Amino acid sequence: MKEYKKKKYVSVDVESSGLTPGKYSCLSIGACIVGETEKQFYVELKPITQNYVYDAMKIGCLGLKCISDLKHINEYNPKSDNFDPKKVLAVLAEKGVEPRIAMTDFASWVMENTRGFRAIEIAAPIKYDGMFTAWYFDNFYDKKNPLGFSGEDMNSFLRGVVGDVDAHMDQLKIKDERIQPHNALDDAIQQAKEFEYILELVKKYKILKEN
């Protein structure tokens, strides 16, 4: 069995049409490498179902690039009271990437950017984003999930570092440099920067413990 000397963390964010994969669709996936945020991946996917939760679509469509030129029309603007999720799903059906192609491209990107390392998916929360990536890899990718079967939840990781079960990323007050919150790539980059800060806390704790 091949041994990996180190881990390489992959920050992943998913926007979806509802709570669970299969019943609902993954709208977009954004990812970057922690510590190397210039290494990025982003894709918007064709929906696999017309099912949606209205509130989920109001959030998940905020940063979709495929409707960026249509937001002057209320039906395509998630911030409008006249927002129509069905119309956005129709745009994604036309402009989005087939899930099988999207997941194959994502897998290739992960493997290329974590070669020689163990790829670890990080998210906030991992239960949501990791659930979608695992399901989509299982159903639309013919090989092994390159992100494996586990991952790190950022808030849980922070709680372990600081020894406070109520700790939350928001308390770190790291500058939010996102151009558009709820664009999956912008969110993934912001997450990566926050996780870099947590990893620095780990290093400081290790130095104190050794001394």
N, C-alpha and C. Protein backbone atom coordinates (compact mmCIF):
# COMPACT_ATOMS: atom_id res chain seq x y z
N MET A 1 0.83 -1.20 0.00
CA MET A 1 0.00 0.00 0.00
C MET A 1 0.87 1.26 0.00
N LYS A 2 0.54 2.20 -0.86
CA LYS A 2 1.31 3.42 -0.95
C LYS A 2 1.13 4.26 0.30
N GLU A 3 2.24 4.78 0.84
CA GLU A 3 2.18 5.60 2.03
C GLU A 3 2.29 7.08 1.65
N TYR A 4 1.49 7.89 2.28
CA TYR A 4 1.53 9.32 2.07
C TYR A 4 2.16 9.96 3.29
N LYS A 5 3.18 10.77 3.05
CA LYS A 5 3.90 11.37 4.16
C LYS A 5 3.10 12.48 4.83
N LYS A 6 2.34 13.20 4.03
CA LYS A 6 1.63 14.35 4.56
C LYS A 6 0.21 14.43 4.02
N LYS A 7 -0.58 15.25 4.69
CA LYS A 7 -1.94 15.51 4.22
C LYS A 7 -1.93 16.80 3.39
N LYS A 8 -2.84 16.88 2.46
CA LYS A 8 -3.08 18.13 1.76
C LYS A 8 -4.57 18.41 1.84
N TYR A 9 -4.90 19.54 2.41
CA TYR A 9 -6.30 19.85 2.66
C TYR A 9 -6.94 20.54 1.44
N VAL A 10 -8.13 20.06 1.09
CA VAL A 10 -8.89 20.60 -0.04
C VAL A 10 -10.15 21.24 0.52
N SER A 11 -10.23 22.56 0.40
CA SER A 11 -11.42 23.28 0.86
C SER A 11 -12.51 23.16 -0.20
N VAL A 12 -13.68 22.67 0.21
CA VAL A 12 -14.77 22.42 -0.73
C VAL A 12 -16.05 23.10 -0.26
N ASP A 13 -16.74 23.72 -1.21
CA ASP A 13 -18.05 24.29 -0.91
C ASP A 13 -19.03 23.87 -2.00
N VAL A 14 -20.23 23.52 -1.59
CA VAL A 14 -21.27 23.07 -2.51
C VAL A 14 -22.51 23.94 -2.33
N GLU A 15 -23.13 24.31 -3.44
CA GLU A 15 -24.44 24.95 -3.40
C GLU A 15 -25.43 23.98 -4.04
N SER A 16 -26.61 23.86 -3.44
CA SER A 16 -27.56 22.84 -3.91
C SER A 16 -28.98 23.37 -3.93
N SER A 17 -29.87 22.57 -4.51
CA SER A 17 -31.29 22.95 -4.59
C SER A 17 -32.09 22.45 -3.40
N GLY A 18 -31.44 21.73 -2.48
CA GLY A 18 -32.16 21.19 -1.34
C GLY A 18 -31.23 20.55 -0.33
N LEU A 19 -31.80 19.78 0.57
CA LEU A 19 -31.06 19.30 1.73
C LEU A 19 -30.19 18.08 1.50
N THR A 20 -30.59 17.19 0.59
CA THR A 20 -29.86 15.94 0.41
C THR A 20 -29.66 15.64 -1.07
N PRO A 21 -28.52 15.00 -1.41
CA PRO A 21 -28.26 14.64 -2.80
C PRO A 21 -29.17 13.50 -3.25
N GLY A 22 -29.45 13.48 -4.55
CA GLY A 22 -30.35 12.46 -5.08
C GLY A 22 -31.75 12.99 -5.17
N LYS A 23 -32.29 13.38 -4.04
CA LYS A 23 -33.61 14.00 -4.02
C LYS A 23 -33.52 15.40 -4.61
N TYR A 24 -32.38 16.07 -4.35
CA TYR A 24 -32.15 17.42 -4.86
C TYR A 24 -30.83 17.44 -5.64
N SER A 25 -30.57 18.54 -6.32
CA SER A 25 -29.41 18.65 -7.20
C SER A 25 -28.29 19.48 -6.59
N CYS A 26 -27.08 19.12 -6.94
CA CYS A 26 -25.92 19.96 -6.67
C CYS A 26 -25.89 21.02 -7.77
N LEU A 27 -25.91 22.27 -7.41
CA LEU A 27 -25.92 23.36 -8.38
C LEU A 27 -24.50 23.74 -8.80
N SER A 28 -23.59 23.78 -7.83
CA SER A 28 -22.22 24.17 -8.13
C SER A 28 -21.27 23.60 -7.08
N ILE A 29 -20.01 23.43 -7.50
CA ILE A 29 -18.95 22.97 -6.61
C ILE A 29 -17.77 23.91 -6.77
N GLY A 30 -17.24 24.38 -5.65
CA GLY A 30 -16.04 25.19 -5.66
C GLY A 30 -15.01 24.55 -4.75
N ALA A 31 -13.75 24.63 -5.13
CA ALA A 31 -12.69 24.02 -4.30
C ALA A 31 -11.37 24.74 -4.53
N CYS A 32 -10.52 24.70 -3.53
CA CYS A 32 -9.16 25.19 -3.67
C CYS A 32 -8.29 24.45 -2.66
N ILE A 33 -6.99 24.56 -2.85
CA ILE A 33 -6.04 23.90 -1.96
C ILE A 33 -5.69 24.84 -0.82
N VAL A 34 -5.81 24.36 0.40
CA VAL A 34 -5.47 25.16 1.57
C VAL A 34 -3.97 25.47 1.54
N GLY A 35 -3.64 26.74 1.66
CA GLY A 35 -2.25 27.16 1.58
C GLY A 35 -1.80 27.48 0.17
N GLU A 36 -2.61 27.10 -0.81
CA GLU A 36 -2.32 27.39 -2.22
C GLU A 36 -3.64 27.75 -2.90
N THR A 37 -4.26 28.80 -2.42
CA THR A 37 -5.62 29.11 -2.87
C THR A 37 -5.70 29.51 -4.33
N GLU A 38 -4.55 29.73 -4.96
CA GLU A 38 -4.57 30.03 -6.40
C GLU A 38 -4.88 28.78 -7.22
N LYS A 39 -4.78 27.60 -6.59
CA LYS A 39 -5.15 26.35 -7.25
C LYS A 39 -6.64 26.12 -7.00
N GLN A 40 -7.44 26.37 -8.02
CA GLN A 40 -8.89 26.45 -7.85
C GLN A 40 -9.64 25.57 -8.83
N PHE A 41 -10.85 25.19 -8.39
CA PHE A 41 -11.76 24.43 -9.25
C PHE A 41 -13.16 24.99 -9.06
N TYR A 42 -13.89 25.12 -10.17
CA TYR A 42 -15.28 25.58 -10.08
C TYR A 42 -16.08 25.00 -11.23
N VAL A 43 -17.29 24.55 -10.92
CA VAL A 43 -18.17 24.03 -11.96
C VAL A 43 -19.62 24.23 -11.55
N GLU A 44 -20.46 24.52 -12.52
CA GLU A 44 -21.91 24.55 -12.33
C GLU A 44 -22.50 23.38 -13.09
N LEU A 45 -23.41 22.64 -12.45
CA LEU A 45 -23.86 21.36 -12.96
C LEU A 45 -25.30 21.40 -13.46
N LYS A 46 -25.56 20.56 -14.43
CA LYS A 46 -26.94 20.35 -14.86
C LYS A 46 -27.70 19.70 -13.71
N PRO A 47 -28.92 20.11 -13.43
CA PRO A 47 -29.70 19.49 -12.35
C PRO A 47 -30.07 18.05 -12.70
N ILE A 48 -30.16 17.21 -11.68
CA ILE A 48 -30.56 15.82 -11.89
C ILE A 48 -32.03 15.62 -11.57
N THR A 49 -32.68 16.65 -11.05
CA THR A 49 -34.10 16.59 -10.72
C THR A 49 -34.64 18.01 -10.70
N GLN A 50 -35.94 18.14 -10.85
CA GLN A 50 -36.57 19.46 -10.77
C GLN A 50 -37.02 19.78 -9.35
N ASN A 51 -36.77 18.88 -8.41
CA ASN A 51 -37.12 19.13 -7.01
C ASN A 51 -36.27 20.27 -6.46
N TYR A 52 -36.86 21.07 -5.60
CA TYR A 52 -36.08 22.12 -4.95
C TYR A 52 -36.79 22.56 -3.67
N VAL A 53 -36.01 23.15 -2.79
CA VAL A 53 -36.51 23.84 -1.61
C VAL A 53 -36.31 25.32 -1.88
N TYR A 54 -37.36 26.08 -1.80
CA TYR A 54 -37.31 27.49 -2.20
C TYR A 54 -36.20 28.26 -1.48
N ASP A 55 -36.11 28.12 -0.17
CA ASP A 55 -35.10 28.86 0.59
C ASP A 55 -33.68 28.42 0.21
N ALA A 56 -33.52 27.14 -0.08
CA ALA A 56 -32.20 26.65 -0.50
C ALA A 56 -31.78 27.26 -1.82
N MET A 57 -32.74 27.39 -2.75
CA MET A 57 -32.45 27.99 -4.03
C MET A 57 -32.16 29.49 -3.89
N LYS A 58 -32.85 30.16 -2.98
CA LYS A 58 -32.61 31.59 -2.75
C LYS A 58 -31.15 31.83 -2.35
N ILE A 59 -30.59 30.87 -1.61
CA ILE A 59 -29.20 30.98 -1.16
C ILE A 59 -28.25 30.43 -2.23
N GLY A 60 -28.55 29.23 -2.70
CA GLY A 60 -27.63 28.54 -3.61
C GLY A 60 -27.45 29.19 -4.96
N CYS A 61 -28.39 30.06 -5.34
CA CYS A 61 -28.31 30.71 -6.66
C CYS A 61 -27.67 32.10 -6.61
N LEU A 62 -27.35 32.58 -5.42
CA LEU A 62 -26.82 33.94 -5.29
C LEU A 62 -25.55 34.15 -6.11
N GLY A 63 -24.69 33.13 -6.13
CA GLY A 63 -23.41 33.29 -6.81
C GLY A 63 -23.27 32.53 -8.11
N LEU A 64 -24.37 32.02 -8.66
CA LEU A 64 -24.29 31.27 -9.91
C LEU A 64 -23.90 32.19 -11.07
N LYS A 65 -22.88 31.80 -11.79
CA LYS A 65 -22.41 32.62 -12.91
C LYS A 65 -23.35 32.54 -14.10
N CYS A 66 -24.04 31.41 -14.24
CA CYS A 66 -24.89 31.22 -15.42
C CYS A 66 -26.07 32.18 -15.47
N ILE A 67 -26.41 32.80 -14.33
CA ILE A 67 -27.52 33.76 -14.32
C ILE A 67 -27.05 35.17 -14.01
N SER A 68 -25.73 35.38 -14.03
CA SER A 68 -25.20 36.69 -13.66
C SER A 68 -25.70 37.80 -14.58
N ASP A 69 -25.96 37.46 -15.85
CA ASP A 69 -26.44 38.46 -16.80
C ASP A 69 -27.97 38.55 -16.84
N LEU A 70 -28.62 37.76 -15.98
CA LEU A 70 -30.08 37.73 -16.00
C LEU A 70 -30.71 38.30 -14.73
N LYS A 71 -29.88 38.73 -13.79
CA LYS A 71 -30.41 39.13 -12.49
C LYS A 71 -31.20 40.43 -12.53
N HIS A 72 -31.13 41.14 -13.65
CA HIS A 72 -31.97 42.33 -13.78
C HIS A 72 -33.43 41.94 -14.01
N ILE A 73 -33.63 40.64 -14.30
CA ILE A 73 -34.99 40.10 -14.45
C ILE A 73 -35.36 39.45 -13.11
N ASN A 74 -36.41 39.89 -12.49
CA ASN A 74 -36.74 39.47 -11.13
C ASN A 74 -36.84 37.95 -10.97
N GLU A 75 -37.34 37.27 -11.97
CA GLU A 75 -37.51 35.82 -11.85
C GLU A 75 -36.18 35.08 -11.70
N TYR A 76 -35.09 35.72 -12.12
CA TYR A 76 -33.76 35.10 -12.02
C TYR A 76 -32.93 35.67 -10.88
N ASN A 77 -33.49 36.60 -10.16
CA ASN A 77 -32.76 37.27 -9.08
C ASN A 77 -33.17 36.67 -7.73
N PRO A 78 -32.27 35.93 -7.08
CA PRO A 78 -32.61 35.29 -5.79
C PRO A 78 -33.03 36.26 -4.70
N LYS A 79 -32.70 37.53 -4.87
CA LYS A 79 -33.06 38.52 -3.86
C LYS A 79 -34.44 39.12 -4.09
N SER A 80 -35.05 38.76 -5.22
CA SER A 80 -36.37 39.31 -5.55
C SER A 80 -37.49 38.45 -4.98
N ASP A 81 -38.58 39.08 -4.63
CA ASP A 81 -39.75 38.35 -4.16
C ASP A 81 -40.40 37.55 -5.29
N ASN A 82 -40.05 37.88 -6.52
CA ASN A 82 -40.60 37.18 -7.69
C ASN A 82 -39.65 36.13 -8.24
N PHE A 83 -38.64 35.80 -7.46
CA PHE A 83 -37.66 34.79 -7.89
C PHE A 83 -38.35 33.46 -8.21
N ASP A 84 -37.96 32.85 -9.33
CA ASP A 84 -38.57 31.60 -9.79
C ASP A 84 -37.48 30.53 -9.95
N PRO A 85 -37.30 29.65 -8.97
CA PRO A 85 -36.26 28.62 -9.04
C PRO A 85 -36.34 27.75 -10.30
N LYS A 86 -37.53 27.49 -10.79
CA LYS A 86 -37.67 26.65 -11.97
C LYS A 86 -36.96 27.26 -13.18
N LYS A 87 -36.97 28.58 -13.26
CA LYS A 87 -36.32 29.23 -14.39
C LYS A 87 -34.80 29.12 -14.29
N VAL A 88 -34.28 29.17 -13.07
CA VAL A 88 -32.84 29.01 -12.89
C VAL A 88 -32.43 27.57 -13.21
N LEU A 89 -33.22 26.61 -12.76
CA LEU A 89 -32.92 25.21 -13.07
C LEU A 89 -32.94 24.98 -14.58
N ALA A 90 -33.80 25.70 -15.28
CA ALA A 90 -33.86 25.58 -16.74
C ALA A 90 -32.57 26.12 -17.37
N VAL A 91 -32.05 27.21 -16.82
CA VAL A 91 -30.79 27.77 -17.33
C VAL A 91 -29.64 26.79 -17.07
N LEU A 92 -29.62 26.22 -15.88
CA LEU A 92 -28.59 25.23 -15.56
C LEU A 92 -28.70 24.00 -16.45
N ALA A 93 -29.91 23.60 -16.76
CA ALA A 93 -30.11 22.45 -17.64
C ALA A 93 -29.51 22.71 -19.01
N GLU A 94 -29.50 23.97 -19.41
CA GLU A 94 -28.95 24.34 -20.72
C GLU A 94 -27.45 24.60 -20.66
N LYS A 95 -27.00 25.32 -19.62
CA LYS A 95 -25.61 25.78 -19.58
C LYS A 95 -24.71 24.97 -18.64
N GLY A 96 -25.30 24.22 -17.72
CA GLY A 96 -24.50 23.47 -16.76
C GLY A 96 -23.76 22.31 -17.39
N VAL A 97 -22.80 21.80 -16.64
CA VAL A 97 -22.00 20.66 -17.07
C VAL A 97 -22.67 19.36 -16.61
N GLU A 98 -22.66 18.36 -17.49
CA GLU A 98 -23.20 17.05 -17.11
C GLU A 98 -22.47 16.55 -15.86
N PRO A 99 -23.23 16.03 -14.87
CA PRO A 99 -22.60 15.59 -13.62
C PRO A 99 -21.44 14.61 -13.81
N ARG A 100 -21.55 13.70 -14.76
CA ARG A 100 -20.48 12.72 -14.97
C ARG A 100 -19.19 13.41 -15.43
N ILE A 101 -19.35 14.40 -16.30
CA ILE A 101 -18.18 15.15 -16.75
C ILE A 101 -17.63 16.03 -15.62
N ALA A 102 -18.53 16.67 -14.89
CA ALA A 102 -18.13 17.55 -13.80
C ALA A 102 -17.33 16.79 -12.74
N MET A 103 -17.81 15.62 -12.36
CA MET A 103 -17.14 14.87 -11.30
C MET A 103 -15.84 14.25 -11.80
N THR A 104 -15.77 13.89 -13.06
CA THR A 104 -14.52 13.39 -13.62
C THR A 104 -13.48 14.51 -13.64
N ASP A 105 -13.90 15.71 -14.04
CA ASP A 105 -12.99 16.86 -14.03
C ASP A 105 -12.55 17.20 -12.62
N PHE A 106 -13.50 17.15 -11.67
CA PHE A 106 -13.16 17.45 -10.28
C PHE A 106 -12.17 16.44 -9.74
N ALA A 107 -12.40 15.17 -10.01
CA ALA A 107 -11.48 14.12 -9.56
C ALA A 107 -10.09 14.34 -10.11
N SER A 108 -10.00 14.67 -11.41
CA SER A 108 -8.70 14.90 -12.04
C SER A 108 -7.99 16.08 -11.39
N TRP A 109 -8.75 17.13 -11.09
CA TRP A 109 -8.17 18.31 -10.44
C TRP A 109 -7.65 17.96 -9.05
N VAL A 110 -8.44 17.22 -8.28
CA VAL A 110 -8.01 16.82 -6.93
C VAL A 110 -6.72 16.01 -7.00
N MET A 111 -6.69 15.01 -7.85
CA MET A 111 -5.52 14.14 -7.93
C MET A 111 -4.29 14.88 -8.43
N GLU A 112 -4.47 15.78 -9.37
CA GLU A 112 -3.34 16.56 -9.90
C GLU A 112 -2.75 17.47 -8.83
N ASN A 113 -3.60 18.05 -8.01
CA ASN A 113 -3.13 19.03 -7.03
C ASN A 113 -2.81 18.46 -5.66
N THR A 114 -3.00 17.15 -5.48
CA THR A 114 -2.65 16.52 -4.20
C THR A 114 -1.73 15.33 -4.43
N ARG A 115 -1.10 15.25 -5.59
CA ARG A 115 -0.24 14.11 -5.91
C ARG A 115 0.86 13.96 -4.87
N GLY A 116 1.02 12.74 -4.34
CA GLY A 116 2.02 12.47 -3.33
C GLY A 116 1.57 12.76 -1.91
N PHE A 117 0.34 13.25 -1.77
CA PHE A 117 -0.22 13.56 -0.46
C PHE A 117 -1.54 12.81 -0.29
N ARG A 118 -2.03 12.81 0.93
CA ARG A 118 -3.37 12.30 1.20
C ARG A 118 -4.34 13.47 1.15
N ALA A 119 -5.27 13.43 0.22
CA ALA A 119 -6.24 14.53 0.07
C ALA A 119 -7.29 14.46 1.18
N ILE A 120 -7.45 15.56 1.90
CA ILE A 120 -8.43 15.63 2.98
C ILE A 120 -9.41 16.75 2.67
N GLU A 121 -10.68 16.41 2.55
CA GLU A 121 -11.71 17.41 2.30
C GLU A 121 -12.05 18.16 3.58
N ILE A 122 -12.06 19.49 3.50
CA ILE A 122 -12.49 20.30 4.65
C ILE A 122 -13.66 21.16 4.22
N ALA A 123 -14.60 21.37 5.13
CA ALA A 123 -15.79 22.16 4.82
C ALA A 123 -16.45 22.60 6.12
N ALA A 124 -17.42 23.47 5.99
CA ALA A 124 -18.18 23.94 7.15
C ALA A 124 -19.65 24.09 6.75
N PRO A 125 -20.46 23.06 7.05
CA PRO A 125 -20.09 21.81 7.74
C PRO A 125 -19.75 20.69 6.76
N ILE A 126 -18.89 19.80 7.18
CA ILE A 126 -18.50 18.67 6.33
C ILE A 126 -19.68 17.74 6.08
N LYS A 127 -20.62 17.69 7.01
CA LYS A 127 -21.79 16.81 6.85
C LYS A 127 -22.57 17.16 5.61
N TYR A 128 -22.67 18.44 5.30
CA TYR A 128 -23.45 18.88 4.14
C TYR A 128 -22.63 18.77 2.85
N ASP A 129 -21.53 19.49 2.79
CA ASP A 129 -20.74 19.52 1.56
C ASP A 129 -20.16 18.15 1.22
N GLY A 130 -19.66 17.47 2.25
CA GLY A 130 -19.09 16.14 2.02
C GLY A 130 -20.13 15.12 1.59
N MET A 131 -21.35 15.29 2.06
CA MET A 131 -22.44 14.40 1.67
C MET A 131 -22.69 14.51 0.17
N PHE A 132 -22.72 15.73 -0.34
CA PHE A 132 -22.98 15.93 -1.76
C PHE A 132 -21.82 15.44 -2.62
N THR A 133 -20.59 15.77 -2.24
CA THR A 133 -19.46 15.33 -3.06
C THR A 133 -19.34 13.82 -3.06
N ALA A 134 -19.55 13.18 -1.90
CA ALA A 134 -19.46 11.72 -1.84
C ALA A 134 -20.54 11.07 -2.69
N TRP A 135 -21.76 11.59 -2.62
CA TRP A 135 -22.86 11.00 -3.38
C TRP A 135 -22.64 11.18 -4.88
N TYR A 136 -22.21 12.36 -5.26
CA TYR A 136 -21.99 12.62 -6.69
C TYR A 136 -20.82 11.81 -7.23
N PHE A 137 -19.76 11.66 -6.46
CA PHE A 137 -18.66 10.79 -6.90
C PHE A 137 -19.14 9.35 -7.05
N ASP A 138 -19.93 8.90 -6.10
CA ASP A 138 -20.40 7.51 -6.12
C ASP A 138 -21.31 7.24 -7.31
N ASN A 139 -22.08 8.23 -7.70
CA ASN A 139 -23.07 8.03 -8.76
C ASN A 139 -22.62 8.49 -10.14
N PHE A 140 -21.61 9.35 -10.20
CA PHE A 140 -21.23 9.90 -11.50
C PHE A 140 -19.73 9.79 -11.79
N TYR A 141 -19.02 8.99 -11.01
CA TYR A 141 -17.59 8.81 -11.26
C TYR A 141 -17.28 7.33 -11.10
N ASP A 142 -16.62 6.75 -12.07
CA ASP A 142 -16.46 5.30 -12.11
C ASP A 142 -15.29 4.77 -11.28
N LYS A 143 -14.49 5.67 -10.75
CA LYS A 143 -13.32 5.24 -9.98
C LYS A 143 -13.48 5.63 -8.51
N LYS A 144 -12.42 5.43 -7.76
CA LYS A 144 -12.44 5.71 -6.32
C LYS A 144 -12.56 7.21 -6.06
N ASN A 145 -13.36 7.57 -5.09
CA ASN A 145 -13.49 8.96 -4.66
C ASN A 145 -12.12 9.49 -4.23
N PRO A 146 -11.56 10.47 -4.93
CA PRO A 146 -10.22 10.95 -4.60
C PRO A 146 -10.14 11.68 -3.26
N LEU A 147 -11.30 12.06 -2.72
CA LEU A 147 -11.32 12.74 -1.41
C LEU A 147 -11.51 11.75 -0.27
N GLY A 148 -11.62 10.46 -0.60
CA GLY A 148 -11.75 9.45 0.43
C GLY A 148 -13.12 9.42 1.07
N PHE A 149 -13.20 8.82 2.24
CA PHE A 149 -14.48 8.61 2.90
C PHE A 149 -14.62 9.38 4.20
N SER A 150 -13.72 10.32 4.42
CA SER A 150 -13.81 11.13 5.63
C SER A 150 -13.46 12.56 5.27
N GLY A 151 -13.36 13.40 6.27
CA GLY A 151 -13.03 14.80 6.04
C GLY A 151 -12.97 15.51 7.38
N GLU A 152 -12.65 16.77 7.33
CA GLU A 152 -12.55 17.57 8.55
C GLU A 152 -13.62 18.65 8.54
N ASP A 153 -14.40 18.69 9.61
CA ASP A 153 -15.34 19.78 9.81
C ASP A 153 -14.58 20.93 10.46
N MET A 154 -14.61 22.08 9.85
CA MET A 154 -13.78 23.19 10.30
C MET A 154 -14.10 23.65 11.72
N ASN A 155 -15.37 23.74 12.05
CA ASN A 155 -15.73 24.18 13.39
C ASN A 155 -15.33 23.15 14.45
N SER A 156 -15.51 21.86 14.13
CA SER A 156 -15.10 20.81 15.07
C SER A 156 -13.59 20.82 15.26
N PHE A 157 -12.86 21.03 14.15
CA PHE A 157 -11.40 21.10 14.22
C PHE A 157 -10.97 22.25 15.14
N LEU A 158 -11.60 23.41 14.97
CA LEU A 158 -11.29 24.56 15.80
C LEU A 158 -11.58 24.27 17.27
N ARG A 159 -12.71 23.62 17.53
CA ARG A 159 -13.08 23.32 18.92
C ARG A 159 -12.05 22.43 19.59
N GLY A 160 -11.50 21.50 18.83
CA GLY A 160 -10.46 20.63 19.38
C GLY A 160 -9.19 21.40 19.68
N VAL A 161 -8.84 22.35 18.84
CA VAL A 161 -7.62 23.13 19.01
C VAL A 161 -7.70 24.04 20.23
N VAL A 162 -8.83 24.75 20.36
CA VAL A 162 -8.94 25.73 21.45
C VAL A 162 -9.53 25.14 22.72
N GLY A 163 -10.03 23.90 22.65
CA GLY A 163 -10.58 23.27 23.84
C GLY A 163 -11.89 23.86 24.30
N ASP A 164 -12.72 24.28 23.35
CA ASP A 164 -14.01 24.89 23.68
C ASP A 164 -15.07 24.30 22.76
N VAL A 165 -16.01 23.54 23.32
CA VAL A 165 -17.01 22.86 22.49
C VAL A 165 -17.98 23.82 21.83
N ASP A 166 -17.98 25.08 22.26
CA ASP A 166 -18.88 26.07 21.68
C ASP A 166 -18.18 27.01 20.70
N ALA A 167 -16.90 26.80 20.46
CA ALA A 167 -16.15 27.68 19.57
C ALA A 167 -16.70 27.60 18.15
N HIS A 168 -16.63 28.72 17.43
CA HIS A 168 -17.14 28.78 16.06
C HIS A 168 -16.21 29.66 15.23
N MET A 169 -16.14 29.34 13.94
CA MET A 169 -15.26 30.07 13.04
C MET A 169 -15.50 31.58 13.08
N ASP A 170 -16.74 31.98 13.26
CA ASP A 170 -17.07 33.40 13.27
C ASP A 170 -16.30 34.17 14.34
N GLN A 171 -15.94 33.48 15.42
CA GLN A 171 -15.24 34.14 16.51
C GLN A 171 -13.82 34.55 16.13
N LEU A 172 -13.28 33.96 15.08
CA LEU A 172 -11.92 34.29 14.66
C LEU A 172 -11.84 35.66 14.01
N LYS A 173 -13.00 36.14 13.54
CA LYS A 173 -13.09 37.48 12.93
C LYS A 173 -12.06 37.67 11.80
N ILE A 174 -11.90 36.65 10.99
CA ILE A 174 -11.02 36.74 9.83
C ILE A 174 -11.71 37.55 8.74
N LYS A 175 -10.99 38.45 8.12
CA LYS A 175 -11.56 39.33 7.11
C LYS A 175 -12.23 38.53 6.00
N ASP A 176 -13.46 38.88 5.71
CA ASP A 176 -14.20 38.21 4.64
C ASP A 176 -13.92 38.94 3.33
N GLU A 177 -13.18 38.28 2.44
CA GLU A 177 -12.78 38.90 1.19
C GLU A 177 -13.59 38.36 0.01
N ARG A 178 -14.70 37.71 0.29
CA ARG A 178 -15.50 37.16 -0.79
C ARG A 178 -16.12 38.25 -1.65
N ILE A 179 -16.05 38.05 -2.96
CA ILE A 179 -16.71 38.96 -3.89
C ILE A 179 -18.22 38.75 -3.81
N GLN A 180 -18.62 37.47 -3.75
CA GLN A 180 -20.03 37.11 -3.69
C GLN A 180 -20.23 35.93 -2.74
N PRO A 181 -20.70 36.17 -1.51
CA PRO A 181 -21.03 35.06 -0.62
C PRO A 181 -22.00 34.11 -1.30
N HIS A 182 -21.77 32.83 -1.10
CA HIS A 182 -22.56 31.74 -1.68
C HIS A 182 -22.25 31.50 -3.16
N ASN A 183 -21.16 32.09 -3.65
CA ASN A 183 -20.54 31.52 -4.83
C ASN A 183 -19.61 30.44 -4.31
N ALA A 184 -19.75 29.22 -4.82
CA ALA A 184 -19.06 28.08 -4.23
C ALA A 184 -17.54 28.26 -4.19
N LEU A 185 -16.96 28.86 -5.23
CA LEU A 185 -15.51 29.06 -5.23
C LEU A 185 -15.09 30.12 -4.24
N ASP A 186 -15.79 31.25 -4.22
CA ASP A 186 -15.46 32.29 -3.26
C ASP A 186 -15.57 31.77 -1.83
N ASP A 187 -16.59 30.97 -1.57
CA ASP A 187 -16.76 30.38 -0.24
C ASP A 187 -15.62 29.43 0.09
N ALA A 188 -15.21 28.62 -0.88
CA ALA A 188 -14.13 27.67 -0.65
C ALA A 188 -12.81 28.38 -0.34
N ILE A 189 -12.56 29.49 -1.05
CA ILE A 189 -11.34 30.26 -0.81
C ILE A 189 -11.37 30.89 0.59
N GLN A 190 -12.51 31.44 0.98
CA GLN A 190 -12.64 32.02 2.31
C GLN A 190 -12.42 30.95 3.38
N GLN A 191 -13.02 29.78 3.18
CA GLN A 191 -12.84 28.66 4.12
C GLN A 191 -11.36 28.30 4.23
N ALA A 192 -10.67 28.24 3.10
CA ALA A 192 -9.27 27.86 3.10
C ALA A 192 -8.43 28.83 3.93
N LYS A 193 -8.71 30.12 3.79
CA LYS A 193 -7.96 31.11 4.56
C LYS A 193 -8.24 30.97 6.05
N GLU A 194 -9.48 30.66 6.39
CA GLU A 194 -9.83 30.45 7.79
C GLU A 194 -9.14 29.20 8.33
N PHE A 195 -9.07 28.15 7.51
CA PHE A 195 -8.44 26.91 7.97
C PHE A 195 -6.93 27.07 8.10
N GLU A 196 -6.34 27.91 7.24
CA GLU A 196 -4.91 28.20 7.36
C GLU A 196 -4.63 28.80 8.74
N TYR A 197 -5.52 29.68 9.18
CA TYR A 197 -5.37 30.31 10.50
C TYR A 197 -5.43 29.25 11.60
N ILE A 198 -6.36 28.32 11.47
CA ILE A 198 -6.49 27.26 12.48
C ILE A 198 -5.24 26.40 12.50
N LEU A 199 -4.69 26.08 11.34
CA LEU A 199 -3.47 25.27 11.28
C LEU A 199 -2.30 25.98 11.94
N GLU A 200 -2.28 27.31 11.84
CA GLU A 200 -1.23 28.07 12.53
C GLU A 200 -1.41 27.95 14.04
N LEU A 201 -2.66 27.92 14.50
CA LEU A 201 -2.91 27.72 15.94
C LEU A 201 -2.40 26.36 16.38
N VAL A 202 -2.58 25.35 15.52
CA VAL A 202 -2.08 24.01 15.83
C VAL A 202 -0.57 24.02 15.99
N LYS A 203 0.13 24.72 15.09
CA LYS A 203 1.60 24.80 15.16
C LYS A 203 2.05 25.47 16.45
N LYS A 204 1.36 26.56 16.83
CA LYS A 204 1.71 27.27 18.06
C LYS A 204 1.50 26.38 19.27
N TYR A 205 0.39 25.63 19.26
CA TYR A 205 0.11 24.72 20.38
C TYR A 205 1.19 23.64 20.47
N LYS A 206 1.61 23.13 19.31
CA LYS A 206 2.63 22.08 19.28
C LYS A 206 3.95 22.58 19.82
N ILE A 207 4.32 23.82 19.45
CA ILE A 207 5.56 24.40 19.94
C ILE A 207 5.51 24.59 21.45
N LEU A 208 4.40 25.09 21.95
CA LEU A 208 4.26 25.27 23.40
C LEU A 208 4.34 23.95 24.14
N LYS A 209 3.74 22.91 23.57
CA LYS A 209 3.73 21.59 24.20
C LYS A 209 5.13 20.99 24.24
N GLU A 210 5.89 21.20 23.15
CA GLU A 210 7.24 20.64 23.07
C GLU A 210 8.20 21.35 24.02
N ASN A 211 7.89 22.63 24.32
CA ASN A 211 8.75 23.39 25.21
C ASN A 211 8.30 23.34 26.66
